[in-house]
């Protein structure tokens, strides 16, 4: 089971819509025999590789904190950031693509 949480440009703050998606993921995780939740942060290709790597980690951490606030055990959550290296929509460097500004939540 997977969920996508999208972010505003250059932001790791969860929007109200993003919080609803995280709440759905948390409810899903709490229903079954969840053994691990992978939370992977991504960015678009606007900005330097180094900056985007750090931003992707901040996005993943924002989602982790919200999952924990929604009742998920922190010990189940594995976070990582991959910067701009795995786009949902391939673009040229420097392009602001909203679909690439995301966190993927995968519940195992």
PDB file of N, CA and C in Angstrom:
ATOM      1  N   UNK A   1       0.851  -1.181   0.000  1.00  0.00           N
ATOM      2  CA  UNK A   1       0.000   0.000   0.000  1.00  0.00           C
ATOM      3  C   UNK A   1       0.884   1.227   0.000  1.00  0.00           C
ATOM      4  N   UNK A   2       0.555   2.163  -0.848  1.00  0.00           N
ATOM      5  CA  UNK A   2       1.400   3.360  -0.930  1.00  0.00           C
ATOM      6  C   UNK A   2       0.556   4.621  -1.050  1.00  0.00           C
ATOM      7  N   UNK A   3       1.166   5.710  -0.639  1.00  0.00           N
ATOM      8  CA  UNK A   3       0.525   7.025  -0.643  1.00  0.00           C
ATOM      9  C   UNK A   3       1.531   8.048  -1.139  1.00  0.00           C
ATOM     10  N   UNK A   4       1.036   9.087  -1.814  1.00  0.00           N
ATOM     11  CA  UNK A   4       1.884  10.197  -2.254  1.00  0.00           C
ATOM     12  C   UNK A   4       1.429  11.471  -1.559  1.00  0.00           C
ATOM     13  N   UNK A   5       2.388  12.179  -0.989  1.00  0.00           N
ATOM     14  CA  UNK A   5       2.144  13.452  -0.313  1.00  0.00           C
ATOM     15  C   UNK A   5       2.917  14.516  -1.080  1.00  0.00           C
ATOM     16  N   UNK A   6       2.227  15.555  -1.545  1.00  0.00           N
ATOM     17  CA  UNK A   6       2.874  16.596  -2.344  1.00  0.00           C
ATOM     18  C   UNK A   6       3.136  17.850  -1.515  1.00  0.00           C
ATOM     19  N   UNK A   7       4.154  18.609  -1.937  1.00  0.00           N
ATOM     20  CA  UNK A   7       4.612  19.795  -1.209  1.00  0.00           C
ATOM     21  C   UNK A   7       4.644  21.014  -2.117  1.00  0.00           C
ATOM     22  N   UNK A   8       4.532  22.186  -1.493  1.00  0.00           N
ATOM     23  CA  UNK A   8       4.714  23.442  -2.217  1.00  0.00           C
ATOM     24  C   UNK A   8       6.188  23.611  -2.573  1.00  0.00           C
ATOM     25  N   UNK A   9       6.459  24.504  -3.501  1.00  0.00           N
ATOM     26  CA  UNK A   9       7.829  24.764  -3.942  1.00  0.00           C
ATOM     27  C   UNK A   9       8.710  25.169  -2.763  1.00  0.00           C
ATOM     28  N   UNK A  10       9.883  24.557  -2.657  1.00  0.00           N
ATOM     29  CA  UNK A  10      10.898  24.889  -1.650  1.00  0.00           C
ATOM     30  C   UNK A  10      10.359  24.815  -0.220  1.00  0.00           C
ATOM     31  N   UNK A  11       9.467  23.849   0.031  1.00  0.00           N
ATOM     32  CA  UNK A  11       8.845  23.751   1.348  1.00  0.00           C
ATOM     33  C   UNK A  11       8.836  22.305   1.834  1.00  0.00           C
ATOM     34  N   UNK A  12       8.961  22.158   3.147  1.00  0.00           N
ATOM     35  CA  UNK A  12       8.781  20.844   3.764  1.00  0.00           C
ATOM     36  C   UNK A  12       7.569  20.863   4.696  1.00  0.00           C
ATOM     37  N   UNK A  13       6.792  21.945   4.628  1.00  0.00           N
ATOM     38  CA  UNK A  13       5.598  22.088   5.471  1.00  0.00           C
ATOM     39  C   UNK A  13       4.435  21.317   4.849  1.00  0.00           C
ATOM     40  N   UNK A  14       3.745  20.553   5.680  1.00  0.00           N
ATOM     41  CA  UNK A  14       2.593  19.800   5.199  1.00  0.00           C
ATOM     42  C   UNK A  14       1.395  20.722   5.014  1.00  0.00           C
ATOM     43  N   UNK A  15       0.778  20.652   3.852  1.00  0.00           N
ATOM     44  CA  UNK A  15      -0.447  21.400   3.584  1.00  0.00           C
ATOM     45  C   UNK A  15      -1.607  20.666   4.260  1.00  0.00           C
ATOM     46  N   UNK A  16      -2.771  21.309   4.396  1.00  0.00           N
ATOM     47  CA  UNK A  16      -3.922  20.597   4.963  1.00  0.00           C
ATOM     48  C   UNK A  16      -4.258  19.319   4.180  1.00  0.00           C
ATOM     49  N   UNK A  17      -4.176  19.374   2.858  1.00  0.00           N
ATOM     50  CA  UNK A  17      -4.442  18.187   2.038  1.00  0.00           C
ATOM     51  C   UNK A  17      -3.407  17.094   2.315  1.00  0.00           C
ATOM     52  N   UNK A  18      -2.149  17.494   2.449  1.00  0.00           N
ATOM     53  CA  UNK A  18      -1.084  16.529   2.738  1.00  0.00           C
ATOM     54  C   UNK A  18      -1.321  15.860   4.090  1.00  0.00           C
ATOM     55  N   UNK A  19      -1.761  16.637   5.075  1.00  0.00           N
ATOM     56  CA  UNK A  19      -2.033  16.069   6.402  1.00  0.00           C
ATOM     57  C   UNK A  19      -3.145  15.025   6.338  1.00  0.00           C
ATOM     58  N   UNK A  20      -4.146  15.252   5.482  1.00  0.00           N
ATOM     59  CA  UNK A  20      -5.226  14.275   5.319  1.00  0.00           C
ATOM     60  C   UNK A  20      -4.698  12.971   4.723  1.00  0.00           C
ATOM     61  N   UNK A  21      -3.793  13.084   3.750  1.00  0.00           N
ATOM     62  CA  UNK A  21      -3.213  11.889   3.126  1.00  0.00           C
ATOM     63  C   UNK A  21      -2.378  11.118   4.144  1.00  0.00           C
ATOM     64  N   UNK A  22      -1.584  11.837   4.934  1.00  0.00           N
ATOM     65  CA  UNK A  22      -0.776  11.181   5.970  1.00  0.00           C
ATOM     66  C   UNK A  22      -1.691  10.512   7.000  1.00  0.00           C
ATOM     67  N   UNK A  23      -2.783  11.165   7.360  1.00  0.00           N
ATOM     68  CA  UNK A  23      -3.728  10.576   8.316  1.00  0.00           C
ATOM     69  C   UNK A  23      -4.328   9.284   7.760  1.00  0.00           C
ATOM     70  N   UNK A  24      -4.631   9.257   6.467  1.00  0.00           N
ATOM     71  CA  UNK A  24      -5.142   8.032   5.835  1.00  0.00           C
ATOM     72  C   UNK A  24      -4.099   6.924   5.877  1.00  0.00           C
ATOM     73  N   UNK A  25      -2.849   7.278   5.594  1.00  0.00           N
ATOM     74  CA  UNK A  25      -1.764   6.295   5.640  1.00  0.00           C
ATOM     75  C   UNK A  25      -1.588   5.760   7.058  1.00  0.00           C
ATOM     76  N   UNK A  26      -1.669   6.648   8.041  1.00  0.00           N
ATOM     77  CA  UNK A  26      -1.528   6.228   9.438  1.00  0.00           C
ATOM     78  C   UNK A  26      -2.655   5.279   9.831  1.00  0.00           C
ATOM     79  N   UNK A  27      -3.884   5.620   9.449  1.00  0.00           N
ATOM     80  CA  UNK A  27      -5.024   4.757   9.766  1.00  0.00           C
ATOM     81  C   UNK A  27      -4.845   3.387   9.121  1.00  0.00           C
ATOM     82  N   UNK A  28      -4.369   3.367   7.893  1.00  0.00           N
ATOM     83  CA  UNK A  28      -4.099   2.119   7.182  1.00  0.00           C
ATOM     84  C   UNK A  28      -3.040   1.305   7.933  1.00  0.00           C
ATOM     85  N   UNK A  29      -1.970   1.967   8.336  1.00  0.00           N
ATOM     86  CA  UNK A  29      -0.879   1.281   9.041  1.00  0.00           C
ATOM     87  C   UNK A  29      -1.345   0.708  10.375  1.00  0.00           C
ATOM     88  N   UNK A  30      -2.238   1.419  11.043  1.00  0.00           N
ATOM     89  CA  UNK A  30      -2.706   0.982  12.357  1.00  0.00           C
ATOM     90  C   UNK A  30      -3.720  -0.159  12.272  1.00  0.00           C
ATOM     91  N   UNK A  31      -4.299  -0.375  11.090  1.00  0.00           N
ATOM     92  CA  UNK A  31      -5.313  -1.424  10.907  1.00  0.00           C
ATOM     93  C   UNK A  31      -4.729  -2.829  10.864  1.00  0.00           C
ATOM     94  N   UNK A  32      -3.587  -2.970  10.194  1.00  0.00           N
ATOM     95  CA  UNK A  32      -3.084  -4.311   9.925  1.00  0.00           C
ATOM     96  C   UNK A  32      -1.821  -4.643  10.680  1.00  0.00           C
ATOM     97  N   UNK A  33      -1.144  -5.646  10.176  1.00  0.00           N
ATOM     98  CA  UNK A  33       0.106  -6.096  10.777  1.00  0.00           C
ATOM     99  C   UNK A  33       1.284  -5.403  10.092  1.00  0.00           C
ATOM    100  N   UNK A  34       1.360  -4.119  10.239  1.00  0.00           N
ATOM    101  CA  UNK A  34       2.422  -3.340   9.615  1.00  0.00           C
ATOM    102  C   UNK A  34       3.753  -3.641  10.288  1.00  0.00           C
ATOM    103  N   UNK A  35       4.764  -3.955   9.479  1.00  0.00           N
ATOM    104  CA  UNK A  35       6.086  -4.238  10.025  1.00  0.00           C
ATOM    105  C   UNK A  35       7.087  -3.132   9.715  1.00  0.00           C
ATOM    106  N   UNK A  36       6.782  -2.335   8.695  1.00  0.00           N
ATOM    107  CA  UNK A  36       7.710  -1.273   8.307  1.00  0.00           C
ATOM    108  C   UNK A  36       6.976  -0.269   7.424  1.00  0.00           C
ATOM    109  N   UNK A  37       7.325   0.999   7.597  1.00  0.00           N
ATOM    110  CA  UNK A  37       6.790   2.059   6.747  1.00  0.00           C
ATOM    111  C   UNK A  37       7.973   2.817   6.166  1.00  0.00           C
ATOM    112  N   UNK A  38       8.109   2.756   4.850  1.00  0.00           N
ATOM    113  CA  UNK A  38       9.179   3.493   4.168  1.00  0.00           C
ATOM    114  C   UNK A  38       8.655   4.864   3.775  1.00  0.00           C
ATOM    115  N   UNK A  39       9.377   5.896   4.168  1.00  0.00           N
ATOM    116  CA  UNK A  39       9.008   7.281   3.881  1.00  0.00           C
ATOM    117  C   UNK A  39      10.174   7.899   3.115  1.00  0.00           C
ATOM    118  N   UNK A  40       9.951   8.164   1.827  1.00  0.00           N
ATOM    119  CA  UNK A  40      11.025   8.636   0.954  1.00  0.00           C
ATOM    120  C   UNK A  40      10.701  10.020   0.405  1.00  0.00           C
ATOM    121  N   UNK A  41      11.577  10.984   0.701  1.00  0.00           N
ATOM    122  CA  UNK A  41      11.397  12.352   0.238  1.00  0.00           C
ATOM    123  C   UNK A  41      12.034  12.586  -1.124  1.00  0.00           C
ATOM    124  N   UNK A  42      11.382  13.434  -1.916  1.00  0.00           N
ATOM    125  CA  UNK A  42      11.838  13.777  -3.267  1.00  0.00           C
ATOM    126  C   UNK A  42      11.721  15.285  -3.488  1.00  0.00           C
ATOM    127  N   UNK A  43      12.454  15.783  -4.486  1.00  0.00           N
ATOM    128  CA  UNK A  43      12.338  17.186  -4.892  1.00  0.00           C
ATOM    129  C   UNK A  43      12.235  17.272  -6.408  1.00  0.00           C
ATOM    130  N   UNK A  44      11.887  18.475  -6.879  1.00  0.00           N
ATOM    131  CA  UNK A  44      11.990  18.713  -8.316  1.00  0.00           C
ATOM    132  C   UNK A  44      13.439  19.085  -8.631  1.00  0.00           C
ATOM    133  N   UNK A  45      13.717  19.504  -9.861  1.00  0.00           N
ATOM    134  CA  UNK A  45      15.104  19.730 -10.270  1.00  0.00           C
ATOM    135  C   UNK A  45      15.516  21.195 -10.192  1.00  0.00           C
ATOM    136  N   UNK A  46      14.717  22.010  -9.509  1.00  0.00           N
ATOM    137  CA  UNK A  46      15.076  23.407  -9.297  1.00  0.00           C
ATOM    138  C   UNK A  46      15.936  23.498  -8.038  1.00  0.00           C
ATOM    139  N   UNK A  47      17.138  24.036  -8.162  1.00  0.00           N
ATOM    140  CA  UNK A  47      18.052  24.110  -7.022  1.00  0.00           C
ATOM    141  C   UNK A  47      19.206  23.141  -7.186  1.00  0.00           C
ATOM    142  N   UNK A  48      20.205  23.291  -6.320  1.00  0.00           N
ATOM    143  CA  UNK A  48      21.401  22.446  -6.417  1.00  0.00           C
ATOM    144  C   UNK A  48      21.109  21.032  -5.899  1.00  0.00           C
ATOM    145  N   UNK A  49      21.918  20.082  -6.331  1.00  0.00           N
ATOM    146  CA  UNK A  49      21.768  18.702  -5.855  1.00  0.00           C
ATOM    147  C   UNK A  49      21.861  18.639  -4.335  1.00  0.00           C
ATOM    148  N   UNK A  50      22.845  19.340  -3.780  1.00  0.00           N
ATOM    149  CA  UNK A  50      23.062  19.313  -2.331  1.00  0.00           C
ATOM    150  C   UNK A  50      21.858  19.884  -1.576  1.00  0.00           C
ATOM    151  N   UNK A  51      21.359  21.028  -2.039  1.00  0.00           N
ATOM    152  CA  UNK A  51      20.202  21.643  -1.397  1.00  0.00           C
ATOM    153  C   UNK A  51      18.986  20.717  -1.483  1.00  0.00           C
ATOM    154  N   UNK A  52      18.767  20.152  -2.665  1.00  0.00           N
ATOM    155  CA  UNK A  52      17.604  19.290  -2.861  1.00  0.00           C
ATOM    156  C   UNK A  52      17.689  18.012  -2.032  1.00  0.00           C
ATOM    157  N   UNK A  53      18.891  17.498  -1.840  1.00  0.00           N
ATOM    158  CA  UNK A  53      19.048  16.316  -0.986  1.00  0.00           C
ATOM    159  C   UNK A  53      18.589  16.643   0.437  1.00  0.00           C
ATOM    160  N   UNK A  54      19.034  17.776   0.958  1.00  0.00           N
ATOM    161  CA  UNK A  54      18.647  18.186   2.313  1.00  0.00           C
ATOM    162  C   UNK A  54      17.143  18.444   2.400  1.00  0.00           C
ATOM    163  N   UNK A  55      16.571  19.084   1.383  1.00  0.00           N
ATOM    164  CA  UNK A  55      15.133  19.360   1.367  1.00  0.00           C
ATOM    165  C   UNK A  55      14.334  18.054   1.335  1.00  0.00           C
ATOM    166  N   UNK A  56      14.788  17.086   0.577  1.00  0.00           N
ATOM    167  CA  UNK A  56      14.065  15.809   0.505  1.00  0.00           C
ATOM    168  C   UNK A  56      14.061  15.108   1.866  1.00  0.00           C
ATOM    169  N   UNK A  57      15.154  15.217   2.604  1.00  0.00           N
ATOM    170  CA  UNK A  57      15.215  14.641   3.955  1.00  0.00           C
ATOM    171  C   UNK A  57      14.249  15.377   4.879  1.00  0.00           C
ATOM    172  N   UNK A  58      14.214  16.714   4.794  1.00  0.00           N
ATOM    173  CA  UNK A  58      13.280  17.489   5.629  1.00  0.00           C
ATOM    174  C   UNK A  58      11.830  17.105   5.327  1.00  0.00           C
ATOM    175  N   UNK A  59      11.514  16.902   4.064  1.00  0.00           N
ATOM    176  CA  UNK A  59      10.151  16.494   3.701  1.00  0.00           C
ATOM    177  C   UNK A  59       9.812  15.135   4.301  1.00  0.00           C
ATOM    178  N   UNK A  60      10.729  14.189   4.196  1.00  0.00           N
ATOM    179  CA  UNK A  60      10.489  12.858   4.772  1.00  0.00           C
ATOM    180  C   UNK A  60      10.304  12.950   6.284  1.00  0.00           C
ATOM    181  N   UNK A  61      11.106  13.778   6.939  1.00  0.00           N
ATOM    182  CA  UNK A  61      10.993  13.939   8.392  1.00  0.00           C
ATOM    183  C   UNK A  61       9.667  14.591   8.782  1.00  0.00           C
ATOM    184  N   UNK A  62       9.174  15.531   7.981  1.00  0.00           N
ATOM    185  CA  UNK A  62       7.864  16.143   8.252  1.00  0.00           C
ATOM    186  C   UNK A  62       6.765  15.092   8.236  1.00  0.00           C
ATOM    187  N   UNK A  63       6.829  14.204   7.262  1.00  0.00           N
ATOM    188  CA  UNK A  63       5.830  13.138   7.166  1.00  0.00           C
ATOM    189  C   UNK A  63       5.988  12.157   8.327  1.00  0.00           C
ATOM    190  N   UNK A  64       7.221  11.818   8.683  1.00  0.00           N
ATOM    191  CA  UNK A  64       7.449  10.924   9.823  1.00  0.00           C
ATOM    192  C   UNK A  64       6.825  11.498  11.096  1.00  0.00           C
ATOM    193  N   UNK A  65       7.082  12.777  11.354  1.00  0.00           N
ATOM    194  CA  UNK A  65       6.530  13.415  12.558  1.00  0.00           C
ATOM    195  C   UNK A  65       5.000  13.367  12.554  1.00  0.00           C
ATOM    196  N   UNK A  66       4.395  13.595  11.397  1.00  0.00           N
ATOM    197  CA  UNK A  66       2.932  13.577  11.306  1.00  0.00           C
ATOM    198  C   UNK A  66       2.392  12.160  11.508  1.00  0.00           C
ATOM    199  N   UNK A  67       3.066  11.161  10.952  1.00  0.00           N
ATOM    200  CA  UNK A  67       2.646   9.767  11.176  1.00  0.00           C
ATOM    201  C   UNK A  67       2.685   9.428  12.661  1.00  0.00           C
ATOM    202  N   UNK A  68       3.749   9.834  13.346  1.00  0.00           N
ATOM    203  CA  UNK A  68       3.876   9.580  14.786  1.00  0.00           C
ATOM    204  C   UNK A  68       2.774  10.318  15.545  1.00  0.00           C
ATOM    205  N   UNK A  69       2.495  11.564  15.165  1.00  0.00           N
ATOM    206  CA  UNK A  69       1.425  12.330  15.806  1.00  0.00           C
ATOM    207  C   UNK A  69       0.069  11.654  15.604  1.00  0.00           C
ATOM    208  N   UNK A  70      -0.063  10.923  14.493  1.00  0.00           N
ATOM    209  CA  UNK A  70      -1.305  10.206  14.192  1.00  0.00           C
ATOM    210  C   UNK A  70      -1.342   8.804  14.806  1.00  0.00           C
ATOM    211  N   UNK A  71      -0.346   8.464  15.645  1.00  0.00           N
ATOM    212  CA  UNK A  71      -0.394   7.223  16.396  1.00  0.00           C
ATOM    213  C   UNK A  71       0.490   6.085  15.920  1.00  0.00           C
ATOM    214  N   UNK A  72       1.257   6.297  14.859  1.00  0.00           N
ATOM    215  CA  UNK A  72       2.139   5.246  14.344  1.00  0.00           C
ATOM    216  C   UNK A  72       3.418   5.202  15.186  1.00  0.00           C
ATOM    217  N   UNK A  73       3.870   4.009  15.516  1.00  0.00           N
ATOM    218  CA  UNK A  73       5.105   3.853  16.291  1.00  0.00           C
ATOM    219  C   UNK A  73       6.308   4.311  15.466  1.00  0.00           C
ATOM    220  N   UNK A  74       7.099   5.188  16.048  1.00  0.00           N
ATOM    221  CA  UNK A  74       8.283   5.716  15.361  1.00  0.00           C
ATOM    222  C   UNK A  74       9.225   4.590  14.924  1.00  0.00           C
ATOM    223  N   UNK A  75       9.263   3.513  15.692  1.00  0.00           N
ATOM    224  CA  UNK A  75      10.175   2.398  15.394  1.00  0.00           C
ATOM    225  C   UNK A  75       9.834   1.679  14.090  1.00  0.00           C
ATOM    226  N   UNK A  76       8.621   1.867  13.577  1.00  0.00           N
ATOM    227  CA  UNK A  76       8.216   1.241  12.309  1.00  0.00           C
ATOM    228  C   UNK A  76       8.640   2.049  11.089  1.00  0.00           C
ATOM    229  N   UNK A  77       9.014   3.313  11.302  1.00  0.00           N
ATOM    230  CA  UNK A  77       9.214   4.240  10.187  1.00  0.00           C
ATOM    231  C   UNK A  77      10.688   4.341   9.807  1.00  0.00           C
ATOM    232  N   UNK A  78      10.956   4.167   8.522  1.00  0.00           N
ATOM    233  CA  UNK A  78      12.304   4.333   7.971  1.00  0.00           C
ATOM    234  C   UNK A  78      12.243   5.486   6.975  1.00  0.00           C
ATOM    235  N   UNK A  79      12.996   6.562   7.255  1.00  0.00           N
ATOM    236  CA  UNK A  79      12.966   7.724   6.367  1.00  0.00           C
ATOM    237  C   UNK A  79      14.259   7.837   5.575  1.00  0.00           C
ATOM    238  N   UNK A  80      14.134   8.397   4.386  1.00  0.00           N
ATOM    239  CA  UNK A  80      15.311   8.729   3.583  1.00  0.00           C
ATOM    240  C   UNK A  80      14.912   9.792   2.577  1.00  0.00           C
ATOM    241  N   UNK A  81      15.917  10.506   2.113  1.00  0.00           N
ATOM    242  CA  UNK A  81      15.713  11.495   1.069  1.00  0.00           C
ATOM    243  C   UNK A  81      16.564  11.136  -0.131  1.00  0.00           C
ATOM    244  N   UNK A  82      15.992  11.284  -1.312  1.00  0.00           N
ATOM    245  CA  UNK A  82      16.737  10.972  -2.535  1.00  0.00           C
ATOM    246  C   UNK A  82      16.905  12.200  -3.428  1.00  0.00           C
ATOM    247  N   UNK A  83      16.575  13.379  -2.889  1.00  0.00           N
ATOM    248  CA  UNK A  83      16.762  14.605  -3.660  1.00  0.00           C
ATOM    249  C   UNK A  83      15.990  14.577  -4.963  1.00  0.00           C
ATOM    250  N   UNK A  84      16.675  14.973  -6.037  1.00  0.00           N
ATOM    251  CA  UNK A  84      16.033  15.056  -7.350  1.00  0.00           C
ATOM    252  C   UNK A  84      16.335  13.834  -8.215  1.00  0.00           C
ATOM    253  N   UNK A  85      16.878  12.768  -7.609  1.00  0.00           N
ATOM    254  CA  UNK A  85      17.389  11.632  -8.388  1.00  0.00           C
ATOM    255  C   UNK A  85      16.326  10.667  -8.908  1.00  0.00           C
ATOM    256  N   UNK A  86      15.100  10.734  -8.404  1.00  0.00           N
ATOM    257  CA  UNK A  86      14.069   9.772  -8.811  1.00  0.00           C
ATOM    258  C   UNK A  86      12.755  10.499  -9.105  1.00  0.00           C
ATOM    259  N   UNK A  87      12.717  11.286 -10.186  1.00  0.00           N
ATOM    260  CA  UNK A  87      11.523  12.085 -10.467  1.00  0.00           C
ATOM    261  C   UNK A  87      10.336  11.232 -10.917  1.00  0.00           C
ATOM    262  N   UNK A  88       9.145  11.672 -10.551  1.00  0.00           N
ATOM    263  CA  UNK A  88       7.918  11.069 -11.058  1.00  0.00           C
ATOM    264  C   UNK A  88       7.716  11.509 -12.505  1.00  0.00           C
ATOM    265  N   UNK A  89       8.043  12.769 -12.768  1.00  0.00           N
ATOM    266  CA  UNK A  89       7.955  13.349 -14.111  1.00  0.00           C
ATOM    267  C   UNK A  89       9.354  13.806 -14.513  1.00  0.00           C
ATOM    268  N   UNK A  90      10.000  13.125 -15.464  1.00  0.00           N
ATOM    269  CA  UNK A  90      11.344  13.542 -15.886  1.00  0.00           C
ATOM    270  C   UNK A  90      11.327  14.951 -16.488  1.00  0.00           C
ATOM    271  N   UNK A  91      12.274  15.786 -16.050  1.00  0.00           N
ATOM    272  CA  UNK A  91      12.374  17.155 -16.565  1.00  0.00           C
ATOM    273  C   UNK A  91      13.844  17.518 -16.747  1.00  0.00           C
ATOM    274  N   UNK A  92      14.054  18.640 -17.414  1.00  0.00           N
ATOM    275  CA  UNK A  92      15.402  19.198 -17.514  1.00  0.00           C
ATOM    276  C   UNK A  92      15.800  19.781 -16.163  1.00  0.00           C
ATOM    277  N   UNK A  93      17.090  19.951 -15.950  1.00  0.00           N
ATOM    278  CA  UNK A  93      17.581  20.553 -14.717  1.00  0.00           C
ATOM    279  C   UNK A  93      17.014  21.961 -14.579  1.00  0.00           C
ATOM    280  N   UNK A  94      16.639  22.330 -13.365  1.00  0.00           N
ATOM    281  CA  UNK A  94      16.128  23.666 -13.095  1.00  0.00           C
ATOM    282  C   UNK A  94      14.627  23.807 -13.234  1.00  0.00           C
ATOM    283  N   UNK A  95      13.939  22.779 -13.713  1.00  0.00           N
ATOM    284  CA  UNK A  95      12.492  22.860 -13.938  1.00  0.00           C
ATOM    285  C   UNK A  95      11.738  22.604 -12.631  1.00  0.00           C
ATOM    286  N   UNK A  96      10.755  23.463 -12.361  1.00  0.00           N
ATOM    287  CA  UNK A  96       9.895  23.304 -11.185  1.00  0.00           C
ATOM    288  C   UNK A  96       8.709  22.423 -11.577  1.00  0.00           C
ATOM    289  N   UNK A  97       8.704  21.200 -11.120  1.00  0.00           N
ATOM    290  CA  UNK A  97       7.628  20.251 -11.446  1.00  0.00           C
ATOM    291  C   UNK A  97       6.929  19.816 -10.157  1.00  0.00           C
ATOM    292  N   UNK A  98       5.669  20.265  -9.959  1.00  0.00           N
ATOM    293  CA  UNK A  98       4.957  19.963  -8.715  1.00  0.00           C
ATOM    294  C   UNK A  98       4.855  18.471  -8.392  1.00  0.00           C
ATOM    295  N   UNK A  99       4.718  17.614  -9.397  1.00  0.00           N
ATOM    296  CA  UNK A  99       4.575  16.177  -9.150  1.00  0.00           C
ATOM    297  C   UNK A  99       5.846  15.559  -8.553  1.00  0.00           C
ATOM    298  N   UNK A 100       6.976  16.228  -8.744  1.00  0.00           N
ATOM    299  CA  UNK A 100       8.238  15.705  -8.215  1.00  0.00           C
ATOM    300  C   UNK A 100       8.506  16.144  -6.781  1.00  0.00           C
ATOM    301  N   UNK A 101       7.752  17.119  -6.300  1.00  0.00           N
ATOM    302  CA  UNK A 101       7.908  17.608  -4.920  1.00  0.00           C
ATOM    303  C   UNK A 101       7.009  16.774  -4.013  1.00  0.00           C
ATOM    304  N   UNK A 102       7.541  15.624  -3.591  1.00  0.00           N
ATOM    305  CA  UNK A 102       6.660  14.667  -2.928  1.00  0.00           C
ATOM    306  C   UNK A 102       7.409  13.818  -1.902  1.00  0.00           C
ATOM    307  N   UNK A 103       6.597  13.146  -1.087  1.00  0.00           N
ATOM    308  CA  UNK A 103       7.073  12.057  -0.236  1.00  0.00           C
ATOM    309  C   UNK A 103       6.221  10.841  -0.568  1.00  0.00           C
ATOM    310  N   UNK A 104       6.882   9.718  -0.751  1.00  0.00           N
ATOM    311  CA  UNK A 104       6.191   8.450  -0.960  1.00  0.00           C
ATOM    312  C   UNK A 104       6.168   7.695   0.365  1.00  0.00           C
ATOM    313  N   UNK A 105       4.986   7.245   0.749  1.00  0.00           N
ATOM    314  CA  UNK A 105       4.814   6.422   1.946  1.00  0.00           C
ATOM    315  C   UNK A 105       4.450   5.022   1.472  1.00  0.00           C
ATOM    316  N   UNK A 106       5.248   4.044   1.843  1.00  0.00           N
ATOM    317  CA  UNK A 106       4.961   2.647   1.490  1.00  0.00           C
ATOM    318  C   UNK A 106       4.816   1.854   2.784  1.00  0.00           C
ATOM    319  N   UNK A 107       3.647   1.249   2.949  1.00  0.00           N
ATOM    320  CA  UNK A 107       3.343   0.486   4.160  1.00  0.00           C
ATOM    321  C   UNK A 107       3.532  -0.997   3.867  1.00  0.00           C
ATOM    322  N   UNK A 108       4.391  -1.626   4.645  1.00  0.00           N
ATOM    323  CA  UNK A 108       4.689  -3.057   4.464  1.00  0.00           C
ATOM    324  C   UNK A 108       4.160  -3.862   5.646  1.00  0.00           C
TER     325      UNK A 108
END
